[in-house]
């Protein structure tokens, strides 16, 4: 692997005057080449269960942009689907579960052979790893975020319903969170064995919890971190949650900040920081984007613990040419 700036930064040791780059959802609906492939599959899970297709979708943004990491193209909902919950992705609505805790309080997960059903992820990981010269990121949803989807059967709307449930049914909540945690530990371990160089945990719905975050989310994420070898970096993306309140309660030291967080609050701490850049910036005029790239490089290129990333996923309305303009400007400085 010739390009290891990303891994060096995760280890807070990137001494090169380079700003490592990768993007949340760097593959996906804003790329016409992605949409061309997606149009051939009536079902999203049918597409991601085809390892050669996952490899192709993973490589598409690497062909377009000067990126310093790849991330296996799959989904955070692979575990509940492998545990027997039928999931459909409906246009305009997102994932829709055939069953949910809110409608079926006795919902149980089928934990038998679920890992075998995820072989397509591991096969895709191996295929991708054989064709890239940058680090490969494996990932999973957090136990809490998977629980949220299982509870609602879709993206949540009324947060008070789940808050009431976990207060009234803490034993059942923790039992499901524990089962999901055990599954995630095995899942990410298998990704690492298949070639992933690091792991990112997406806690997309962590912001729901507020003062209960540690009990229902961070404690389980800490358990996942403890299950990994110390030389395997693990990044936490706790959307809607300020990491400042977590630092004293975790050994995790790599964080993906959402758009509401400020990198400068953390960049001088013994942490690796990435994210924060609002993808809406890619709607700006070219001259403004160039100025943004210049200022980011000037501010952070000497930091050994900084990775450029967006604070939320790239959305379908983003022009990939704008992304290219911005990243090429960053790379222009890197090459000097």
Protein backbone atom coordinates (compact mmCIF):
# COMPACT_ATOMS: atom_id res chain seq x y z
CA UNK A 1 0.00 0.00 0.00
CA UNK A 2 1.77 3.16 -1.22
CA UNK A 3 -0.82 5.61 0.06
CA UNK A 4 -1.19 5.23 3.81
CA UNK A 5 -1.76 8.87 4.79
CA UNK A 6 -5.22 7.99 6.07
CA UNK A 7 -3.99 5.24 8.40
CA UNK A 8 -1.13 7.42 9.58
CA UNK A 9 -3.59 10.17 10.49
CA UNK A 10 -5.81 7.69 12.33
CA UNK A 11 -2.73 6.87 14.38
CA UNK A 12 -2.09 10.65 14.84
CA UNK A 13 1.23 10.26 13.03
CA UNK A 14 0.72 11.70 9.56
CA UNK A 15 4.01 13.59 9.20
CA UNK A 16 3.59 14.20 5.47
CA UNK A 17 2.29 17.64 4.50
CA UNK A 18 -0.80 16.01 3.06
CA UNK A 19 -4.43 16.40 3.99
CA UNK A 20 -5.89 12.87 3.79
CA UNK A 21 -9.37 12.75 2.27
CA UNK A 22 -12.37 10.50 2.15
CA UNK A 23 -16.08 11.34 2.10
CA UNK A 24 -19.15 9.97 3.82
CA UNK A 25 -21.23 8.34 1.06
CA UNK A 26 -18.47 8.98 -1.46
CA UNK A 27 -20.17 6.34 -3.62
CA UNK A 28 -23.86 6.76 -4.31
CA UNK A 29 -26.74 8.63 -5.84
CA UNK A 30 -24.89 11.81 -6.81
CA UNK A 31 -22.75 9.84 -9.29
CA UNK A 32 -24.34 9.08 -12.68
CA UNK A 33 -22.29 5.88 -13.00
CA UNK A 34 -23.82 4.68 -9.71
CA UNK A 35 -27.35 5.45 -10.90
CA UNK A 36 -26.74 3.53 -14.11
CA UNK A 37 -25.95 0.39 -12.11
CA UNK A 38 -28.70 1.00 -9.55
CA UNK A 39 -31.30 1.16 -12.32
CA UNK A 40 -30.55 -2.47 -13.19
CA UNK A 41 -31.56 -3.76 -9.76
CA UNK A 42 -35.19 -3.51 -8.62
CA UNK A 43 -34.11 -4.31 -5.05
CA UNK A 44 -31.28 -2.58 -3.17
CA UNK A 45 -30.32 -5.70 -1.21
CA UNK A 46 -30.13 -7.70 -4.42
CA UNK A 47 -27.57 -5.18 -5.62
CA UNK A 48 -25.39 -5.15 -2.51
CA UNK A 49 -25.50 -8.95 -2.29
CA UNK A 50 -23.60 -9.05 -5.59
CA UNK A 51 -19.92 -8.75 -4.58
CA UNK A 52 -18.64 -7.77 -8.03
CA UNK A 53 -21.15 -4.93 -8.12
CA UNK A 54 -20.14 -3.79 -4.63
CA UNK A 55 -16.54 -3.74 -5.78
CA UNK A 56 -17.44 -1.63 -8.79
CA UNK A 57 -19.49 0.84 -6.71
CA UNK A 58 -16.65 1.14 -4.21
CA UNK A 59 -14.14 1.90 -6.95
CA UNK A 60 -16.26 4.48 -8.81
CA UNK A 61 -15.41 7.48 -6.59
CA UNK A 62 -11.74 6.45 -6.44
CA UNK A 63 -11.62 6.74 -10.24
CA UNK A 64 -13.15 10.21 -10.14
CA UNK A 65 -11.51 11.85 -7.15
CA UNK A 66 -8.12 11.95 -5.40
CA UNK A 67 -9.21 10.01 -2.32
CA UNK A 68 -7.02 8.45 0.36
CA UNK A 69 -9.38 5.70 1.51
CA UNK A 70 -12.05 3.40 0.13
CA UNK A 71 -15.10 2.20 2.04
CA UNK A 72 -16.80 -1.08 1.21
CA UNK A 73 -20.10 -0.41 -0.51
CA UNK A 74 -22.76 -2.03 1.63
CA UNK A 75 -25.34 -0.84 4.18
CA UNK A 76 -25.68 -0.47 7.94
CA UNK A 77 -28.82 -2.61 7.88
CA UNK A 78 -27.15 -5.82 6.71
CA UNK A 79 -27.22 -7.34 10.21
CA UNK A 80 -30.98 -7.07 10.89
CA UNK A 81 -31.65 -8.29 7.34
CA UNK A 82 -29.38 -11.30 7.94
CA UNK A 83 -31.25 -11.94 11.20
CA UNK A 84 -34.52 -12.49 9.41
CA UNK A 85 -36.08 -9.03 9.03
CA UNK A 86 -37.19 -8.37 5.48
CA UNK A 87 -36.21 -4.83 4.45
CA UNK A 88 -37.18 -2.89 1.34
CA UNK A 89 -35.77 0.47 0.29
CA UNK A 90 -38.70 2.58 -0.90
CA UNK A 91 -38.01 5.70 -2.94
CA UNK A 92 -38.75 8.79 -0.88
CA UNK A 93 -39.15 6.79 2.33
CA UNK A 94 -35.90 4.93 2.86
CA UNK A 95 -35.74 1.49 4.49
CA UNK A 96 -39.05 -0.13 5.41
CA UNK A 97 -38.97 -3.17 7.70
CA UNK A 98 -41.54 -5.97 7.38
CA UNK A 99 -41.72 -6.14 11.20
CA UNK A 100 -40.80 -3.83 14.07
CA UNK A 101 -40.71 -3.73 17.85
CA UNK A 102 -43.27 -0.91 17.97
CA UNK A 103 -45.83 -3.03 16.12
CA UNK A 104 -44.68 -6.39 17.48
CA UNK A 105 -43.25 -6.15 21.04
CA UNK A 106 -42.33 -9.83 20.89
CA UNK A 107 -40.10 -9.37 17.86
CA UNK A 108 -37.07 -11.65 18.03
CA UNK A 109 -33.91 -11.79 15.95
CA UNK A 110 -32.80 -15.04 14.38
CA UNK A 111 -29.18 -15.27 15.50
CA UNK A 112 -28.46 -18.63 13.87
CA UNK A 113 -26.17 -18.58 10.83
CA UNK A 114 -26.54 -14.82 10.39
CA UNK A 115 -22.81 -14.41 9.79
CA UNK A 116 -22.88 -16.92 6.93
CA UNK A 117 -25.65 -14.86 5.35
CA UNK A 118 -23.26 -11.90 5.33
CA UNK A 119 -20.62 -13.67 3.26
CA UNK A 120 -21.38 -11.33 0.37
CA UNK A 121 -19.92 -8.44 2.40
CA UNK A 122 -16.73 -10.35 3.14
CA UNK A 123 -16.36 -11.51 -0.46
CA UNK A 124 -16.82 -7.93 -1.68
CA UNK A 125 -14.22 -6.76 0.87
CA UNK A 126 -11.69 -9.24 -0.50
CA UNK A 127 -12.37 -8.24 -4.10
CA UNK A 128 -12.02 -4.53 -3.32
CA UNK A 129 -8.86 -5.02 -1.30
CA UNK A 130 -7.20 -6.79 -4.20
CA UNK A 131 -7.65 -3.77 -6.49
CA UNK A 132 -6.91 -0.67 -4.41
CA UNK A 133 -3.78 1.09 -3.28
CA UNK A 134 -5.41 2.98 -0.41
CA UNK A 135 -6.69 1.75 2.98
CA UNK A 136 -10.09 0.08 3.09
CA UNK A 137 -12.69 1.09 5.65
CA UNK A 138 -15.12 -1.53 6.93
CA UNK A 139 -18.16 -0.41 8.87
CA UNK A 140 -21.30 -1.18 10.81
CA UNK A 141 -24.21 0.67 12.29
CA UNK A 142 -23.97 1.05 16.05
CA UNK A 143 -26.11 -1.23 18.25
CA UNK A 144 -28.28 1.74 19.19
CA UNK A 145 -28.83 2.88 15.60
CA UNK A 146 -29.78 -0.66 14.52
CA UNK A 147 -32.13 -0.84 17.52
CA UNK A 148 -33.80 2.41 16.42
CA UNK A 149 -34.52 0.98 12.97
CA UNK A 150 -35.77 -2.26 14.50
CA UNK A 151 -38.02 -0.33 16.83
CA UNK A 152 -39.67 1.93 14.27
CA UNK A 153 -39.35 -0.32 11.22
CA UNK A 154 -38.24 2.73 9.29
CA UNK A 155 -36.41 6.02 9.80
CA UNK A 156 -37.71 7.47 13.09
CA UNK A 157 -40.01 10.44 13.33
CA UNK A 158 -41.54 10.81 16.81
CA UNK A 159 -38.57 10.34 19.14
CA UNK A 160 -40.74 10.39 22.26
CA UNK A 161 -42.13 6.95 21.44
CA UNK A 162 -38.75 5.24 21.64
CA UNK A 163 -37.72 7.28 24.68
CA UNK A 164 -40.83 6.06 26.46
CA UNK A 165 -40.13 2.47 25.42
CA UNK A 166 -36.55 2.34 26.70
CA UNK A 167 -37.67 3.89 29.99
CA UNK A 168 -40.50 1.38 30.43
CA UNK A 169 -38.70 -1.65 28.95
CA UNK A 170 -35.02 -1.23 29.83
CA UNK A 171 -34.42 -4.96 30.30
CA UNK A 172 -35.70 -5.89 26.85
CA UNK A 173 -33.93 -2.89 25.30
CA UNK A 174 -30.60 -3.91 26.76
CA UNK A 175 -31.13 -7.56 25.77
CA UNK A 176 -31.57 -6.55 22.13
CA UNK A 177 -28.68 -4.09 22.28
CA UNK A 178 -26.46 -6.83 23.71
CA UNK A 179 -27.43 -9.27 20.95
CA UNK A 180 -26.73 -6.61 18.32
CA UNK A 181 -23.39 -5.79 19.94
CA UNK A 182 -22.30 -9.43 19.84
CA UNK A 183 -23.32 -9.66 16.20
CA UNK A 184 -21.47 -6.45 15.28
CA UNK A 185 -18.28 -7.66 16.98
CA UNK A 186 -18.30 -10.82 14.87
CA UNK A 187 -19.29 -8.91 11.74
CA UNK A 188 -16.49 -6.35 11.89
CA UNK A 189 -13.96 -9.02 12.89
CA UNK A 190 -14.85 -10.90 9.70
CA UNK A 191 -14.49 -7.70 7.67
CA UNK A 192 -11.00 -7.19 9.09
CA UNK A 193 -10.05 -10.77 8.27
CA UNK A 194 -11.28 -10.12 4.73
CA UNK A 195 -9.06 -7.07 4.29
CA UNK A 196 -10.56 -4.02 6.04
CA UNK A 197 -7.81 -1.85 7.55
CA UNK A 198 -10.04 0.00 10.00
CA UNK A 199 -13.66 0.17 11.11
CA UNK A 200 -16.14 3.02 11.30
CA UNK A 201 -19.20 2.77 13.55
CA UNK A 202 -22.15 4.84 12.36
CA UNK A 203 -24.34 5.95 15.25
CA UNK A 204 -26.70 7.83 12.97
CA UNK A 205 -29.47 8.14 15.58
CA UNK A 206 -27.33 8.75 18.65
CA UNK A 207 -28.71 12.29 18.92
CA UNK A 208 -32.07 10.91 20.04
CA UNK A 209 -30.66 9.84 23.40
CA UNK A 210 -29.33 13.05 24.88
CA UNK A 211 -28.52 12.39 28.56
CA UNK A 212 -29.00 8.63 28.15
CA UNK A 213 -26.36 8.29 25.44
CA UNK A 214 -23.77 6.49 27.51
CA UNK A 215 -26.18 3.89 28.88
CA UNK A 216 -27.87 2.94 25.63
CA UNK A 217 -25.16 3.62 23.05
CA UNK A 218 -21.63 4.49 24.13
CA UNK A 219 -21.25 1.59 26.57
CA UNK A 220 -21.97 -0.86 23.76
CA UNK A 221 -19.71 0.96 21.29
CA UNK A 222 -16.95 0.83 23.91
CA UNK A 223 -17.47 -2.94 24.10
CA UNK A 224 -17.02 -3.16 20.33
CA UNK A 225 -13.81 -1.09 20.52
CA UNK A 226 -12.48 -3.39 23.27
CA UNK A 227 -13.09 -6.43 21.06
CA UNK A 228 -10.70 -5.16 18.39
CA UNK A 229 -6.94 -5.36 18.39
CA UNK A 230 -5.35 -2.09 19.47
CA UNK A 231 -3.65 -1.79 16.08
CA UNK A 232 -7.01 -1.68 14.26
CA UNK A 233 -8.34 1.90 14.34
CA UNK A 234 -12.04 2.37 15.03
CA UNK A 235 -13.80 5.63 14.17
CA UNK A 236 -17.06 6.70 15.81
CA UNK A 237 -19.58 8.89 13.99
CA UNK A 238 -22.07 9.91 16.68
CA UNK A 239 -24.41 12.12 14.70
CA UNK A 240 -26.23 14.72 16.76
CA UNK A 241 -24.04 14.07 19.80
CA UNK A 242 -21.22 16.34 20.93
CA UNK A 243 -18.14 14.21 21.41
CA UNK A 244 -16.95 16.55 24.15
CA UNK A 245 -19.32 14.82 26.55
CA UNK A 246 -18.00 11.37 25.60
CA UNK A 247 -14.24 11.72 25.87
CA UNK A 248 -13.95 10.94 29.57
CA UNK A 249 -16.02 7.76 29.14
CA UNK A 250 -14.37 6.10 26.16
CA UNK A 251 -11.02 4.90 24.87
CA UNK A 252 -12.10 5.63 21.30
CA UNK A 253 -9.78 8.31 19.92
CA UNK A 254 -10.91 8.63 16.29
CA UNK A 255 -14.05 10.64 15.61
CA UNK A 256 -16.04 11.73 12.57
CA UNK A 257 -17.68 15.05 13.49
CA UNK A 258 -21.05 16.06 12.15
CA UNK A 259 -21.72 19.52 10.74
CA UNK A 260 -22.70 20.98 14.11
CA UNK A 261 -19.32 20.25 15.71
CA UNK A 262 -16.22 22.45 15.47
CA UNK A 263 -12.95 20.77 14.52
CA UNK A 264 -10.93 23.45 16.31
CA UNK A 265 -12.46 22.39 19.64
CA UNK A 266 -10.67 19.04 19.32
CA UNK A 267 -7.81 19.24 16.82
CA UNK A 268 -5.18 19.90 19.49
CA UNK A 269 -6.32 17.00 21.67
CA UNK A 270 -4.79 13.48 21.42
CA UNK A 271 -7.54 12.46 19.00
CA UNK A 272 -7.94 11.94 15.27
CA UNK A 273 -10.57 14.28 13.90
CA UNK A 274 -12.35 14.14 10.56
CA UNK A 275 -15.61 15.49 9.21
CA UNK A 276 -17.47 18.71 10.04
CA UNK A 277 -17.42 20.09 6.45
CA UNK A 278 -21.01 20.75 5.38
CA UNK A 279 -21.66 19.05 1.99
CA UNK A 280 -23.94 21.99 1.12
CA UNK A 281 -20.70 23.89 0.56
CA UNK A 282 -20.38 22.00 -2.70
CA UNK A 283 -23.20 24.22 -4.03
CA UNK A 284 -20.97 27.29 -3.75
CA UNK A 285 -19.39 29.08 -6.68
CA UNK A 286 -16.09 27.67 -7.94
CA UNK A 287 -14.06 30.57 -6.57
CA UNK A 288 -15.58 30.10 -3.11
CA UNK A 289 -14.79 26.39 -3.18
CA UNK A 290 -11.20 27.07 -4.14
CA UNK A 291 -10.89 29.55 -1.27
CA UNK A 292 -12.35 26.98 1.12
CA UNK A 293 -9.86 24.36 -0.01
CA UNK A 294 -7.02 26.85 0.39
CA UNK A 295 -8.06 27.81 3.91
CA UNK A 296 -8.53 24.20 5.04
CA UNK A 297 -5.13 23.21 3.71
CA UNK A 298 -3.42 26.18 5.30
CA UNK A 299 -5.10 25.55 8.64
CA UNK A 300 -4.68 21.79 8.96
CA UNK A 301 -1.95 20.45 6.68
CA UNK A 302 0.61 20.40 9.50
CA UNK A 303 -1.73 18.54 11.84
CA UNK A 304 -0.80 14.88 12.13
CA UNK A 305 -4.29 13.93 13.30
CA UNK A 306 -6.55 15.56 10.69
CA UNK A 307 -8.56 13.95 7.88
CA UNK A 308 -10.79 15.93 5.56
CA UNK A 309 -14.34 14.62 5.42
CA UNK A 310 -17.89 15.89 5.28
CA UNK A 311 -20.09 16.10 8.36
CA UNK A 312 -23.00 14.29 6.74
CA UNK A 313 -23.30 12.14 3.66
CA UNK A 314 -23.01 13.44 0.10
CA UNK A 315 -26.57 14.01 -1.14
CA UNK A 316 -27.99 13.32 -4.63
CA UNK A 317 -28.20 17.04 -5.46
CA UNK A 318 -24.41 17.50 -5.29
CA UNK A 319 -22.62 18.04 -8.60
CA UNK A 320 -19.65 15.65 -8.69
CA UNK A 321 -17.70 18.21 -10.74
CA UNK A 322 -17.85 20.56 -7.73
CA UNK A 323 -16.48 17.81 -5.50
CA UNK A 324 -13.73 17.19 -8.02
CA UNK A 325 -12.81 20.87 -8.22
CA UNK A 326 -12.51 21.12 -4.44
CA UNK A 327 -10.55 17.90 -3.93
CA UNK A 328 -8.20 18.58 -6.83
CA UNK A 329 -7.40 21.93 -5.23
CA UNK A 330 -6.50 20.15 -1.98
CA UNK A 331 -4.40 17.66 -3.93
CA UNK A 332 -2.63 20.47 -5.76
CA UNK A 333 -1.18 21.62 -2.43
CA UNK A 334 -0.46 18.06 -1.34
CA UNK A 335 1.70 17.50 -4.41
CA UNK A 336 3.97 20.47 -3.74
